[in-house]
Amino acid sequence: MAGLTKTKRPSSITLISVIGIIGGLLSFYYIFTGGITGLDLWNILFLGLISVVFFICGIGFWFMKKWAVYVYAFFGIIDQIVLLLMGRWNIMSLLIIALVVYVGYKNLSKMS
C-alpha cells in the first residue's frame, strides 16, 4: 500500500499504555470487590472516575492518539488537586503524572 506509513510506537508509550490499562483494571477490581477501605463514597466514586479515565487514556496511548495525552494531563491536574484536598497527596503521585505527561508530549508529533 503506497503512501501509508505507520509510525512505530515507542517502547515508553507501550509501557505507559500497558501500565495504564492494567492499573485501571486492578482499580476496578478493588473498587468492586471492596478491597478499598477507609474511604467515603465520594472518594471511591472519584477513584472510579479517575480509573476509567486513565484506563481509556492507556488505550489511547496504545493507539498513539494525541487526545490521550491531553486528557491524561487535564485529569492528572484534577487528580492532584483532589488528592491535596483529601490530604492524600504525596510527591510520587505528582512524579508519576508528570512523567507520563512528559513522555506523551515528547512523542506528540508521532501521534495522530
C-alpha atoms as a PDB file:
ATOM      1  CA  MET A   1       0.000   0.000   0.000  1.00  0.00           C
ATOM      2  CA  ALA A   2       1.785   3.059  -1.247  1.00  0.00           C
ATOM      3  CA  GLY A   3       1.512   6.204   0.807  1.00  0.00           C
ATOM      4  CA  LEU A   4       0.544   4.500   4.052  1.00  0.00           C
ATOM      5  CA  THR A   5       3.200   4.831   6.688  1.00  0.00           C
ATOM      6  CA  LYS A   6       2.691   3.508  10.147  1.00  0.00           C
ATOM      7  CA  THR A   7       4.615   5.116  12.976  1.00  0.00           C
ATOM      8  CA  LYS A   8       6.212   2.590  15.290  1.00  0.00           C
ATOM      9  CA  ARG A   9       5.053   3.042  18.858  1.00  0.00           C
ATOM     10  CA  PRO A  10       7.960   3.955  21.152  1.00  0.00           C
ATOM     11  CA  SER A  11       8.596   1.465  23.949  1.00  0.00           C
ATOM     12  CA  SER A  12       7.989   4.182  26.560  1.00  0.00           C
ATOM     13  CA  ILE A  13       4.479   4.737  25.178  1.00  0.00           C
ATOM     14  CA  THR A  14       3.876   0.976  25.094  1.00  0.00           C
ATOM     15  CA  LEU A  15       4.935   0.705  28.745  1.00  0.00           C
ATOM     16  CA  ILE A  16       2.706   3.622  29.775  1.00  0.00           C
ATOM     17  CA  SER A  17      -0.292   2.185  27.956  1.00  0.00           C
ATOM     18  CA  VAL A  18       0.141  -1.320  29.386  1.00  0.00           C
ATOM     19  CA  ILE A  19       0.560   0.024  32.933  1.00  0.00           C
ATOM     20  CA  GLY A  20      -2.454   2.329  32.453  1.00  0.00           C
ATOM     21  CA  ILE A  21      -4.673  -0.488  31.203  1.00  0.00           C
ATOM     22  CA  ILE A  22      -3.593  -2.951  33.892  1.00  0.00           C
ATOM     23  CA  GLY A  23      -3.789  -0.279  36.597  1.00  0.00           C
ATOM     24  CA  GLY A  24      -7.302   0.652  35.503  1.00  0.00           C
ATOM     25  CA  LEU A  25      -8.417  -2.976  35.558  1.00  0.00           C
ATOM     26  CA  LEU A  26      -6.896  -3.519  39.003  1.00  0.00           C
ATOM     27  CA  SER A  27      -8.596  -0.379  40.308  1.00  0.00           C
ATOM     28  CA  PHE A  28     -11.954  -1.648  39.021  1.00  0.00           C
ATOM     29  CA  TYR A  29     -11.317  -4.970  40.722  1.00  0.00           C
ATOM     30  CA  TYR A  30     -10.501  -3.366  44.066  1.00  0.00           C
ATOM     31  CA  ILE A  31     -13.450  -0.980  43.881  1.00  0.00           C
ATOM     32  CA  PHE A  32     -15.998  -3.668  43.053  1.00  0.00           C
ATOM     33  CA  THR A  33     -14.672  -6.290  45.466  1.00  0.00           C
ATOM     34  CA  GLY A  34     -14.499  -3.922  48.425  1.00  0.00           C
ATOM     35  CA  GLY A  35     -10.708  -4.046  48.538  1.00  0.00           C
ATOM     36  CA  ILE A  36     -10.550  -0.307  49.177  1.00  0.00           C
ATOM     37  CA  THR A  37     -11.271   0.596  52.777  1.00  0.00           C
ATOM     38  CA  GLY A  38     -11.121   3.794  54.748  1.00  0.00           C
ATOM     39  CA  LEU A  39     -12.615   5.997  52.017  1.00  0.00           C
ATOM     40  CA  ASP A  40     -16.073   7.505  51.906  1.00  0.00           C
ATOM     41  CA  LEU A  41     -18.434   7.106  48.950  1.00  0.00           C
ATOM     42  CA  TRP A  42     -17.344  10.320  47.194  1.00  0.00           C
ATOM     43  CA  ASN A  43     -13.688   9.354  47.323  1.00  0.00           C
ATOM     44  CA  ILE A  44     -14.476   5.900  45.946  1.00  0.00           C
ATOM     45  CA  LEU A  45     -16.565   7.449  43.147  1.00  0.00           C
ATOM     46  CA  PHE A  46     -13.723   9.834  42.316  1.00  0.00           C
ATOM     47  CA  LEU A  47     -11.257   6.958  42.307  1.00  0.00           C
ATOM     48  CA  GLY A  48     -13.593   5.081  39.974  1.00  0.00           C
ATOM     49  CA  LEU A  49     -13.827   8.074  37.619  1.00  0.00           C
ATOM     50  CA  ILE A  50     -10.072   8.584  37.536  1.00  0.00           C
ATOM     51  CA  SER A  51      -9.576   4.840  36.983  1.00  0.00           C
ATOM     52  CA  VAL A  52     -11.918   4.892  33.992  1.00  0.00           C
ATOM     53  CA  VAL A  53     -10.247   7.980  32.535  1.00  0.00           C
ATOM     54  CA  PHE A  54      -6.716   6.634  32.985  1.00  0.00           C
ATOM     55  CA  PHE A  55      -7.787   3.234  31.571  1.00  0.00           C
ATOM     56  CA  ILE A  56      -9.220   4.936  28.472  1.00  0.00           C
ATOM     57  CA  CYS A  57      -6.080   7.068  28.181  1.00  0.00           C
ATOM     58  CA  GLY A  58      -3.996   3.868  28.338  1.00  0.00           C
ATOM     59  CA  ILE A  59      -5.922   2.610  25.324  1.00  0.00           C
ATOM     60  CA  GLY A  60      -5.457   5.983  23.628  1.00  0.00           C
ATOM     61  CA  PHE A  61      -1.705   5.846  24.254  1.00  0.00           C
ATOM     62  CA  TRP A  62      -1.648   2.335  22.775  1.00  0.00           C
ATOM     63  CA  PHE A  63      -3.233   3.641  19.570  1.00  0.00           C
ATOM     64  CA  MET A  64      -0.960   6.716  19.595  1.00  0.00           C
ATOM     65  CA  LYS A  65      -3.763   9.279  19.950  1.00  0.00           C
ATOM     66  CA  LYS A  66      -2.971  12.874  20.877  1.00  0.00           C
ATOM     67  CA  TRP A  67      -6.210  13.235  22.821  1.00  0.00           C
ATOM     68  CA  ALA A  68      -4.904  10.654  25.305  1.00  0.00           C
ATOM     69  CA  VAL A  69      -2.045  12.977  26.289  1.00  0.00           C
ATOM     70  CA  TYR A  70      -4.327  15.994  26.662  1.00  0.00           C
ATOM     71  CA  VAL A  71      -6.986  14.109  28.649  1.00  0.00           C
ATOM     72  CA  TYR A  72      -4.348  12.472  30.868  1.00  0.00           C
ATOM     73  CA  ALA A  73      -2.726  15.859  31.590  1.00  0.00           C
ATOM     74  CA  PHE A  74      -6.077  17.505  32.384  1.00  0.00           C
ATOM     75  CA  PHE A  75      -7.286  14.731  34.694  1.00  0.00           C
ATOM     76  CA  GLY A  76      -3.799  14.442  36.191  1.00  0.00           C
ATOM     77  CA  ILE A  77      -4.107  18.058  37.357  1.00  0.00           C
ATOM     78  CA  ILE A  78      -7.615  17.420  38.705  1.00  0.00           C
ATOM     79  CA  ASP A  79      -6.324  14.288  40.453  1.00  0.00           C
ATOM     80  CA  GLN A  80      -3.524  16.244  42.140  1.00  0.00           C
ATOM     81  CA  ILE A  81      -5.946  18.890  43.391  1.00  0.00           C
ATOM     82  CA  VAL A  82      -8.368  16.309  44.780  1.00  0.00           C
ATOM     83  CA  LEU A  83      -5.568  14.315  46.419  1.00  0.00           C
ATOM     84  CA  LEU A  84      -4.318  17.526  48.035  1.00  0.00           C
ATOM     85  CA  LEU A  85      -7.799  18.379  49.320  1.00  0.00           C
ATOM     86  CA  MET A  86      -8.236  14.821  50.648  1.00  0.00           C
ATOM     87  CA  GLY A  87      -4.906  15.008  52.474  1.00  0.00           C
ATOM     88  CA  ARG A  88      -3.593  12.038  50.471  1.00  0.00           C
ATOM     89  CA  TRP A  89      -1.203  13.889  48.158  1.00  0.00           C
ATOM     90  CA  ASN A  90       2.435  12.835  48.009  1.00  0.00           C
ATOM     91  CA  ILE A  91       5.342  13.618  45.718  1.00  0.00           C
ATOM     92  CA  MET A  92       5.164  10.224  43.976  1.00  0.00           C
ATOM     93  CA  SER A  93       1.649  10.918  42.705  1.00  0.00           C
ATOM     94  CA  LEU A  94       2.937  14.121  41.121  1.00  0.00           C
ATOM     95  CA  LEU A  95       6.057  12.487  39.676  1.00  0.00           C
ATOM     96  CA  ILE A  96       4.109   9.660  38.049  1.00  0.00           C
ATOM     97  CA  ILE A  97       1.633  12.037  36.394  1.00  0.00           C
ATOM     98  CA  ALA A  98       4.452  14.379  35.338  1.00  0.00           C
ATOM     99  CA  LEU A  99       6.484  11.524  33.830  1.00  0.00           C
ATOM    100  CA  VAL A 100       3.548  10.230  31.778  1.00  0.00           C
ATOM    101  CA  VAL A 101       2.673  13.727  30.549  1.00  0.00           C
ATOM    102  CA  TYR A 102       6.336  14.428  29.700  1.00  0.00           C
ATOM    103  CA  VAL A 103       6.685  11.219  27.679  1.00  0.00           C
ATOM    104  CA  GLY A 104       3.354  11.892  25.985  1.00  0.00           C
ATOM    105  CA  TYR A 105       4.289  15.436  24.977  1.00  0.00           C
ATOM    106  CA  LYS A 106       7.732  14.290  23.864  1.00  0.00           C
ATOM    107  CA  ASN A 107       6.083  11.844  21.431  1.00  0.00           C
ATOM    108  CA  LEU A 108       3.123  14.036  20.478  1.00  0.00           C
ATOM    109  CA  SER A 109       4.451  14.663  16.960  1.00  0.00           C
ATOM    110  CA  LYS A 110       4.338  10.908  16.265  1.00  0.00           C
ATOM    111  CA  MET A 111       0.686  10.665  17.325  1.00  0.00           C
ATOM    112  CA  SER A 112      -2.435  11.212  15.297  1.00  0.00           C
END
